[in-house]
N, C-alpha and C. Protein backbone atom coordinates (compact mmCIF):
# COMPACT_ATOMS: atom_id res chain seq x y z
N MET A 1 141.11 106.75 104.00
CA MET A 1 139.48 107.10 103.24
C MET A 1 138.96 105.61 103.08
N ILE A 2 139.52 104.98 102.54
CA ILE A 2 139.34 103.35 102.50
C ILE A 2 138.47 103.07 104.01
N ALA A 3 139.20 103.21 105.07
CA ALA A 3 139.03 102.93 106.19
C ALA A 3 137.37 103.51 106.45
N THR A 4 137.15 104.75 106.15
CA THR A 4 136.29 105.46 106.95
C THR A 4 135.04 104.60 105.42
N LEU A 5 135.22 104.61 104.05
CA LEU A 5 134.66 103.78 103.60
C LEU A 5 133.92 102.44 103.88
N ALA A 6 134.34 101.81 104.54
CA ALA A 6 134.43 100.74 105.28
C ALA A 6 133.33 100.61 106.54
N LEU A 7 133.71 101.66 106.71
CA LEU A 7 133.20 102.12 108.55
C LEU A 7 131.38 102.19 108.03
N LEU A 8 131.42 102.91 107.18
CA LEU A 8 130.20 103.56 106.46
C LEU A 8 129.55 102.33 106.32
N ALA A 9 130.15 101.38 105.58
CA ALA A 9 129.17 100.36 104.80
C ALA A 9 128.96 99.21 105.47
N SER A 10 129.47 99.14 106.92
CA SER A 10 129.03 98.03 107.59
C SER A 10 128.13 99.10 108.76
N LEU A 11 128.22 100.52 108.74
CA LEU A 11 127.04 100.66 109.80
C LEU A 11 125.70 100.61 108.96
N ALA A 12 125.66 100.97 107.23
CA ALA A 12 124.53 100.67 106.61
C ALA A 12 124.38 99.59 106.27
N GLY A 13 125.03 98.17 106.56
CA GLY A 13 124.21 97.18 106.40
C GLY A 13 123.61 96.27 107.47
N PRO A 14 123.70 96.50 108.73
CA PRO A 14 122.68 96.41 109.52
C PRO A 14 121.25 97.29 109.32
N ALA A 15 121.36 98.75 108.53
CA ALA A 15 119.65 99.39 108.34
C ALA A 15 119.54 98.62 107.41
N ARG A 16 120.14 98.56 106.20
CA ARG A 16 119.53 97.71 105.27
C ARG A 16 118.69 96.43 105.58
N ALA A 17 119.59 95.59 106.59
CA ALA A 17 119.28 94.26 106.84
C ALA A 17 117.46 94.39 107.21
N ALA A 18 117.37 95.45 108.57
CA ALA A 18 116.42 95.91 108.97
C ALA A 18 115.16 96.34 108.32
N ALA A 19 115.51 97.02 107.22
CA ALA A 19 114.52 97.70 106.53
C ALA A 19 114.47 96.20 105.31
N ASP A 20 114.78 95.40 105.36
CA ASP A 20 114.25 94.12 104.99
C ASP A 20 113.74 93.17 105.45
N GLU A 21 113.23 93.05 106.19
CA GLU A 21 113.16 92.02 107.58
C GLU A 21 111.23 92.55 107.44
N PRO A 22 110.84 91.32 107.33
CA PRO A 22 108.92 91.02 107.13
C PRO A 22 108.50 91.96 108.49
N VAL A 23 107.37 92.33 108.35
CA VAL A 23 106.54 93.51 109.34
C VAL A 23 105.34 92.89 109.58
N VAL A 24 105.18 92.43 110.67
CA VAL A 24 103.82 91.36 111.01
C VAL A 24 102.85 91.96 111.51
N ALA A 25 103.47 93.08 112.81
CA ALA A 25 102.55 93.41 113.43
C ALA A 25 102.47 95.04 113.64
N HIS A 26 101.77 96.03 114.45
CA HIS A 26 102.19 97.29 115.08
C HIS A 26 101.12 97.57 116.12
N VAL A 27 101.85 98.69 117.00
CA VAL A 27 101.01 99.41 117.42
C VAL A 27 101.34 100.60 117.34
N LEU A 28 100.26 101.41 117.52
CA LEU A 28 100.32 103.04 117.04
C LEU A 28 99.53 103.89 119.01
N VAL A 29 100.09 104.82 119.09
CA VAL A 29 98.98 105.77 119.94
C VAL A 29 99.10 107.39 118.83
N GLY A 30 97.82 107.87 119.36
CA GLY A 30 98.13 109.34 118.85
C GLY A 30 96.98 109.99 119.77
N ALA A 31 96.98 111.42 119.16
CA ALA A 31 96.02 112.40 119.43
C ALA A 31 95.27 113.16 118.48
N GLY A 32 94.20 113.82 118.20
CA GLY A 32 93.53 114.38 117.38
C GLY A 32 92.44 115.21 117.55
N LEU A 33 91.85 115.52 116.84
CA LEU A 33 90.74 116.42 117.41
C LEU A 33 88.91 116.30 116.36
N PRO A 34 88.14 115.79 116.94
CA PRO A 34 87.67 115.24 118.22
C PRO A 34 88.10 114.43 118.10
N GLN A 35 89.05 113.14 117.86
CA GLN A 35 89.28 112.14 118.78
C GLN A 35 90.60 112.67 119.19
N VAL A 36 90.25 112.62 120.64
CA VAL A 36 91.34 113.31 121.44
C VAL A 36 92.58 112.62 121.17
N LEU A 37 92.30 111.00 121.90
CA LEU A 37 93.35 109.71 122.61
C LEU A 37 92.93 108.73 121.22
N HIS A 38 93.69 107.90 120.89
CA HIS A 38 93.44 106.78 120.21
C HIS A 38 94.17 105.88 120.40
N ALA A 39 94.52 104.29 120.30
CA ALA A 39 95.67 103.47 120.73
C ALA A 39 95.05 102.42 119.78
N SER A 40 96.03 101.63 118.95
CA SER A 40 95.44 100.11 118.37
C SER A 40 96.41 99.31 118.16
N VAL A 41 95.99 98.49 117.87
CA VAL A 41 97.12 96.76 117.99
C VAL A 41 97.06 96.63 116.19
N GLY A 42 97.62 96.14 115.42
CA GLY A 42 97.71 95.44 114.06
C GLY A 42 98.11 94.54 113.88
N TRP A 43 97.66 93.76 112.92
CA TRP A 43 98.48 92.96 112.34
C TRP A 43 98.53 92.94 110.72
N PHE A 44 99.62 92.64 109.70
CA PHE A 44 99.82 92.75 108.47
C PHE A 44 99.91 91.29 108.13
N PRO A 45 98.59 90.94 107.13
CA PRO A 45 97.73 89.95 106.53
C PRO A 45 98.83 90.14 105.08
N SER A 46 99.08 90.98 104.72
CA SER A 46 99.66 91.55 103.31
C SER A 46 100.34 92.68 103.58
N SER A 47 101.43 93.07 102.57
CA SER A 47 102.52 94.42 102.69
C SER A 47 101.51 95.70 102.34
N ARG A 48 100.19 95.50 101.80
CA ARG A 48 99.52 96.61 101.50
C ARG A 48 98.10 96.69 102.64
N VAL A 49 98.04 95.61 103.49
CA VAL A 49 96.66 95.84 104.50
C VAL A 49 96.97 95.60 105.88
N SER A 50 96.43 96.49 106.82
CA SER A 50 96.64 95.74 108.26
C SER A 50 95.46 95.93 108.81
N LEU A 51 95.23 95.05 109.42
CA LEU A 51 93.80 94.69 110.24
C LEU A 51 94.11 95.51 111.68
N ASP A 52 93.25 96.08 112.50
CA ASP A 52 93.41 96.75 113.77
C ASP A 52 92.14 96.63 114.72
N LEU A 53 92.60 96.17 115.93
CA LEU A 53 91.78 96.82 117.14
C LEU A 53 92.09 98.30 117.83
N ARG A 54 90.98 98.62 117.84
CA ARG A 54 91.19 100.20 118.21
C ARG A 54 90.46 100.63 119.50
N TYR A 55 91.14 101.71 120.41
CA TYR A 55 90.48 102.46 121.45
C TYR A 55 90.42 103.90 120.67
N GLY A 56 89.41 104.45 121.31
CA GLY A 56 89.19 105.87 121.07
C GLY A 56 88.85 106.35 121.90
N TYR A 57 89.05 107.87 122.40
CA TYR A 57 88.09 108.81 123.01
C TYR A 57 87.86 110.17 122.37
N VAL A 58 86.75 110.02 122.22
CA VAL A 58 86.14 111.37 121.35
C VAL A 58 85.18 111.86 122.15
N VAL A 59 86.00 113.07 123.08
CA VAL A 59 85.30 113.86 123.67
C VAL A 59 83.67 113.61 124.24
N PHE A 60 84.49 112.90 125.60
CA PHE A 60 83.27 112.41 126.56
C PHE A 60 82.91 111.20 126.54
N ASN A 61 83.30 110.21 125.54
CA ASN A 61 82.96 108.75 125.03
C ASN A 61 84.13 108.34 124.92
N HIS A 62 84.17 107.11 125.67
CA HIS A 62 85.04 106.10 125.45
C HIS A 62 84.59 105.16 123.87
N MET A 63 85.51 104.72 123.22
CA MET A 63 84.82 104.23 121.88
C MET A 63 86.15 102.82 121.46
N VAL A 64 85.33 101.39 121.17
CA VAL A 64 86.38 100.79 120.45
C VAL A 64 85.95 100.35 119.57
N GLY A 65 86.48 99.47 118.75
CA GLY A 65 86.08 98.87 117.41
C GLY A 65 87.00 98.30 116.71
N ALA A 66 87.20 97.99 116.03
CA ALA A 66 88.18 97.67 114.34
C ALA A 66 88.40 98.17 113.42
N GLY A 67 89.28 98.24 112.68
CA GLY A 67 89.38 98.83 111.39
C GLY A 67 90.42 98.35 110.15
N ALA A 68 90.74 98.67 109.27
CA ALA A 68 91.73 98.21 108.35
C ALA A 68 92.29 99.52 107.56
N THR A 69 93.97 99.61 107.28
CA THR A 69 94.00 100.30 106.42
C THR A 69 94.75 100.10 105.42
N TRP A 70 94.75 100.77 104.25
CA TRP A 70 95.00 100.22 102.94
C TRP A 70 96.37 101.44 102.46
N TYR A 71 97.65 100.41 102.35
CA TYR A 71 98.70 101.42 102.01
C TYR A 71 98.69 100.97 100.18
N LEU A 72 98.12 102.52 100.21
CA LEU A 72 97.80 102.35 98.29
C LEU A 72 98.57 102.99 97.52
N LEU A 73 99.69 103.41 97.75
CA LEU A 73 100.49 104.13 97.38
C LEU A 73 101.81 104.58 98.01
N GLY A 74 103.05 103.50 96.89
CA GLY A 74 104.48 103.47 97.88
C GLY A 74 104.82 102.32 97.42
N GLU A 75 106.47 102.08 96.99
CA GLU A 75 106.94 100.56 96.98
C GLU A 75 107.32 100.03 98.11
N ALA A 76 106.50 98.72 98.27
CA ALA A 76 106.11 97.89 99.03
C ALA A 76 107.15 96.85 99.21
N GLY A 77 107.71 96.10 100.40
CA GLY A 77 108.34 94.67 100.12
C GLY A 77 107.74 93.43 100.28
N PRO A 78 108.06 92.37 99.72
CA PRO A 78 107.60 91.23 99.95
C PRO A 78 106.45 91.45 101.35
N HIS A 79 107.11 91.26 102.41
CA HIS A 79 106.50 91.02 103.95
C HIS A 79 106.47 92.62 104.31
N ARG A 80 106.74 93.34 103.54
CA ARG A 80 106.73 95.01 104.51
C ARG A 80 106.08 95.99 104.09
N PRO A 81 105.28 97.01 104.40
CA PRO A 81 104.85 98.23 103.98
C PRO A 81 105.48 98.77 103.52
N PRO A 82 105.27 99.73 102.35
CA PRO A 82 105.51 101.18 102.04
C PRO A 82 106.50 102.05 102.75
N ARG A 83 107.92 102.09 102.67
CA ARG A 83 108.14 103.39 103.50
C ARG A 83 107.41 104.98 103.44
N HIS A 84 107.13 105.13 101.99
CA HIS A 84 106.21 106.51 102.47
C HIS A 84 105.24 105.76 101.54
N ALA A 85 103.68 105.93 102.52
CA ALA A 85 102.33 105.96 101.55
C ALA A 85 101.22 106.28 101.86
N VAL A 86 100.98 106.72 100.77
CA VAL A 86 99.39 107.03 100.81
C VAL A 86 98.30 106.11 101.57
N LEU A 87 97.45 106.22 102.81
CA LEU A 87 96.77 105.68 103.23
C LEU A 87 95.09 105.83 103.01
N ALA A 88 94.59 105.22 102.82
CA ALA A 88 93.10 104.71 103.41
C ALA A 88 92.69 103.86 104.37
N VAL A 89 91.80 104.99 105.25
CA VAL A 89 91.55 103.84 106.33
C VAL A 89 90.48 103.86 106.69
N GLY A 90 89.73 102.94 107.19
CA GLY A 90 88.44 102.98 107.73
C GLY A 90 88.25 102.35 108.97
N HIS A 91 87.41 102.55 109.92
CA HIS A 91 87.16 102.14 111.00
C HIS A 91 85.66 101.95 111.65
N LEU A 92 84.88 101.10 112.17
CA LEU A 92 84.23 101.31 112.94
C LEU A 92 84.11 101.10 114.43
N MET A 93 83.63 101.82 114.81
CA MET A 93 83.82 102.14 116.37
C MET A 93 82.17 102.27 117.13
N TRP A 94 82.37 101.94 118.48
CA TRP A 94 81.02 102.00 119.24
C TRP A 94 81.37 102.52 120.92
N ASN A 95 80.33 102.62 121.50
CA ASN A 95 80.74 103.15 122.47
C ASN A 95 80.22 102.14 123.56
N PRO A 96 80.84 101.64 123.92
CA PRO A 96 80.83 100.03 125.41
C PRO A 96 79.87 100.52 126.79
N THR A 97 79.73 101.65 126.64
CA THR A 97 79.75 102.41 128.29
C THR A 97 77.87 102.53 128.52
N LEU A 98 77.21 102.64 126.86
CA LEU A 98 75.64 102.37 126.64
C LEU A 98 75.26 101.47 126.91
N SER A 99 74.27 101.20 127.65
CA SER A 99 73.18 100.31 128.06
C SER A 99 71.79 100.68 127.91
N PRO A 100 70.90 100.05 126.99
CA PRO A 100 71.29 98.96 126.07
C PRO A 100 72.54 99.57 125.14
N PRO A 101 73.05 98.89 124.21
CA PRO A 101 73.76 98.98 123.04
C PRO A 101 72.49 99.89 122.08
N THR A 102 73.34 101.21 121.38
CA THR A 102 72.62 101.55 120.57
C THR A 102 73.30 102.62 119.38
N LEU A 103 72.52 102.47 118.09
CA LEU A 103 73.42 103.22 117.02
C LEU A 103 73.09 104.76 117.00
N SER A 104 71.96 105.06 117.69
CA SER A 104 71.46 106.45 117.55
C SER A 104 72.07 107.13 118.37
N SER A 105 73.05 108.31 118.45
CA SER A 105 73.59 108.88 119.48
C SER A 105 72.71 110.52 119.74
N GLY A 106 73.12 111.33 120.66
CA GLY A 106 72.18 112.25 120.89
C GLY A 106 72.65 112.90 121.68
N GLY A 107 72.92 114.16 122.05
CA GLY A 107 73.28 115.36 122.76
C GLY A 107 74.90 115.14 122.68
N GLU A 108 75.88 114.91 123.88
CA GLU A 108 77.16 114.68 123.89
C GLU A 108 77.59 113.20 123.97
N THR A 109 76.21 112.40 123.48
CA THR A 109 77.01 110.88 124.03
C THR A 109 76.91 110.35 122.39
N LEU A 110 78.12 109.66 122.30
CA LEU A 110 78.20 109.40 120.97
C LEU A 110 77.99 107.67 120.64
N ALA A 111 76.99 107.27 120.23
CA ALA A 111 76.99 105.72 120.29
C ALA A 111 77.61 104.93 119.47
N ALA A 112 77.79 105.11 118.24
CA ALA A 112 78.86 104.61 117.49
C ALA A 112 79.01 105.22 115.96
N TYR A 113 80.11 104.82 115.49
CA TYR A 113 80.33 105.81 114.19
C TYR A 113 81.42 104.96 113.36
N VAL A 114 81.22 105.25 112.18
CA VAL A 114 82.68 104.93 111.01
C VAL A 114 82.95 105.98 110.74
N GLY A 115 84.40 105.44 110.97
CA GLY A 115 85.50 106.52 110.74
C GLY A 115 86.10 106.43 109.29
N VAL A 116 86.48 107.24 108.04
CA VAL A 116 86.37 107.32 107.25
C VAL A 116 87.92 108.38 106.71
N TYR A 117 89.39 108.04 106.44
CA TYR A 117 90.12 109.21 106.45
C TYR A 117 91.21 108.33 105.25
N GLY A 118 92.09 109.62 104.64
CA GLY A 118 92.74 109.43 103.92
C GLY A 118 94.45 110.18 104.66
N GLY A 119 95.40 109.55 103.75
CA GLY A 119 96.68 110.23 104.74
C GLY A 119 97.65 110.12 104.23
N TYR A 120 98.93 109.94 105.05
CA TYR A 120 100.70 109.54 105.04
C TYR A 120 100.78 108.92 105.60
N GLY A 121 102.07 108.14 105.55
CA GLY A 121 102.18 106.86 106.52
C GLY A 121 103.62 106.60 106.11
N PHE A 122 104.47 106.58 107.23
CA PHE A 122 105.90 106.50 107.28
C PHE A 122 106.56 105.68 107.97
N LEU A 123 107.16 104.60 107.48
CA LEU A 123 107.78 103.27 108.19
C LEU A 123 109.25 103.40 108.12
N ALA A 124 109.94 103.71 109.15
CA ALA A 124 111.62 103.84 108.66
C ALA A 124 111.91 102.37 108.83
N GLY A 125 112.89 101.91 108.64
CA GLY A 125 113.79 100.72 108.31
C GLY A 125 113.80 100.09 110.03
N SER A 126 113.99 100.96 111.00
CA SER A 126 114.03 100.44 112.71
C SER A 126 112.37 100.13 113.07
N GLY A 127 111.45 100.21 112.46
CA GLY A 127 110.63 99.92 112.89
C GLY A 127 109.50 101.45 113.20
N PHE A 128 109.91 102.15 113.49
CA PHE A 128 109.67 103.48 113.58
C PHE A 128 108.06 103.40 112.43
N GLU A 129 106.85 103.97 112.95
CA GLU A 129 105.59 104.55 112.28
C GLU A 129 105.29 105.53 112.59
N ALA A 130 104.98 106.30 111.55
CA ALA A 130 104.13 107.71 111.95
C ALA A 130 103.03 107.59 110.87
N ARG A 131 101.81 108.82 111.25
CA ARG A 131 100.50 108.67 109.92
C ARG A 131 100.37 110.00 110.60
N LEU A 132 99.79 110.57 109.69
CA LEU A 132 98.43 111.86 109.80
C LEU A 132 97.51 111.24 108.83
N LEU A 133 96.42 111.33 109.48
CA LEU A 133 95.51 111.37 108.86
C LEU A 133 94.16 112.43 109.03
N LEU A 134 93.37 112.47 107.61
CA LEU A 134 92.45 113.39 107.72
C LEU A 134 91.19 112.90 107.16
N GLY A 135 89.91 113.10 107.81
CA GLY A 135 88.53 112.51 107.40
C GLY A 135 87.63 113.03 108.01
N GLY A 136 86.95 111.94 108.14
CA GLY A 136 85.60 112.21 108.98
C GLY A 136 84.82 111.15 109.81
N LEU A 137 84.22 111.84 110.93
CA LEU A 137 83.36 110.35 111.81
C LEU A 137 81.72 110.31 111.08
N LEU A 138 81.25 109.12 110.73
CA LEU A 138 79.99 109.32 109.96
C LEU A 138 79.28 108.45 111.30
N TYR A 139 77.98 109.07 111.50
CA TYR A 139 77.43 108.78 112.86
C TYR A 139 75.70 109.15 112.82
N GLU A 140 74.87 108.12 113.35
CA GLU A 140 73.15 108.78 113.37
C GLU A 140 73.50 109.15 114.33
N ASP A 141 72.66 110.57 114.47
CA ASP A 141 71.96 111.93 115.71
C ASP A 141 71.18 112.27 115.17
N GLY A 142 69.83 111.62 115.19
CA GLY A 142 68.67 112.32 114.81
C GLY A 142 68.75 112.32 112.98
N GLY A 143 69.08 111.53 112.48
CA GLY A 143 69.60 111.70 111.00
C GLY A 143 71.03 111.42 110.85
N PRO A 144 71.26 111.51 109.63
CA PRO A 144 72.74 111.35 109.32
C PRO A 144 73.39 112.37 109.54
N ALA A 145 74.91 112.32 110.02
CA ALA A 145 75.69 113.60 110.37
C ALA A 145 76.83 112.96 110.05
N MET A 146 78.08 114.21 110.63
CA MET A 146 79.24 114.24 110.02
C MET A 146 80.03 114.78 110.71
N ASP A 147 81.15 114.72 111.06
CA ASP A 147 82.24 115.51 111.63
C ASP A 147 83.47 115.35 111.01
N PRO A 148 84.28 116.43 110.94
CA PRO A 148 85.26 116.34 110.64
C PRO A 148 86.43 115.58 111.88
N ASP A 149 87.66 115.28 111.42
CA ASP A 149 88.56 114.34 112.43
C ASP A 149 89.93 114.32 111.87
N ALA A 150 91.09 114.58 112.33
CA ALA A 150 92.44 114.75 112.34
C ALA A 150 93.19 114.09 113.37
N MET A 151 93.90 113.28 112.99
CA MET A 151 94.95 112.39 113.85
C MET A 151 95.95 112.43 112.98
N VAL A 152 97.11 112.46 114.55
CA VAL A 152 98.29 111.99 114.47
C VAL A 152 98.64 111.09 115.08
N GLY A 153 99.31 109.92 114.40
CA GLY A 153 99.80 108.64 115.49
C GLY A 153 101.48 108.38 115.24
N VAL A 154 101.57 107.65 116.30
CA VAL A 154 103.15 107.24 116.34
C VAL A 154 103.20 105.83 116.52
N GLY A 155 104.32 104.89 116.17
CA GLY A 155 104.25 103.56 117.29
C GLY A 155 105.33 103.21 116.39
N TRP A 156 105.27 101.53 116.35
CA TRP A 156 105.93 100.52 116.37
C TRP A 156 105.60 99.38 115.38
N ALA A 157 106.34 99.72 114.56
CA ALA A 157 105.97 97.97 113.59
C ALA A 157 107.17 96.82 113.78
N PHE A 158 106.67 95.73 114.14
CA PHE A 158 108.05 94.89 114.07
C PHE A 158 107.27 93.44 113.75
């Protein structure tokens, strides 16, 4: 019995140490609708905020941009985001294939948009990260327009 407890304690030790290690950056990939594919690389200036460079493929349109994620609820460590968190996410994306660059979309061409989301984030002690986001794409298309967007992403924080 004592040997079993000692074994469990030795196994729990490294996992707890990993959960206490600082998190500086992360990478995420995922899918959604209408944002079919997305990928991001981010940096954590604090345990409650990440700043990201993003790529997204939104139905026939390649998009690049930047964004931020706020970890609103959840117990954060001094240099680590919460294990379970309510997220607020915003990003600004534009279509690099348009020449000249424009903000006004038309037809199947999406020129630029602002993405606004709320959702849930999970960060395991090992660094595995998962997000579920629901929100909308706000853009210009002969006037203000909005489409709903849902995304699921997985990645690694280190």
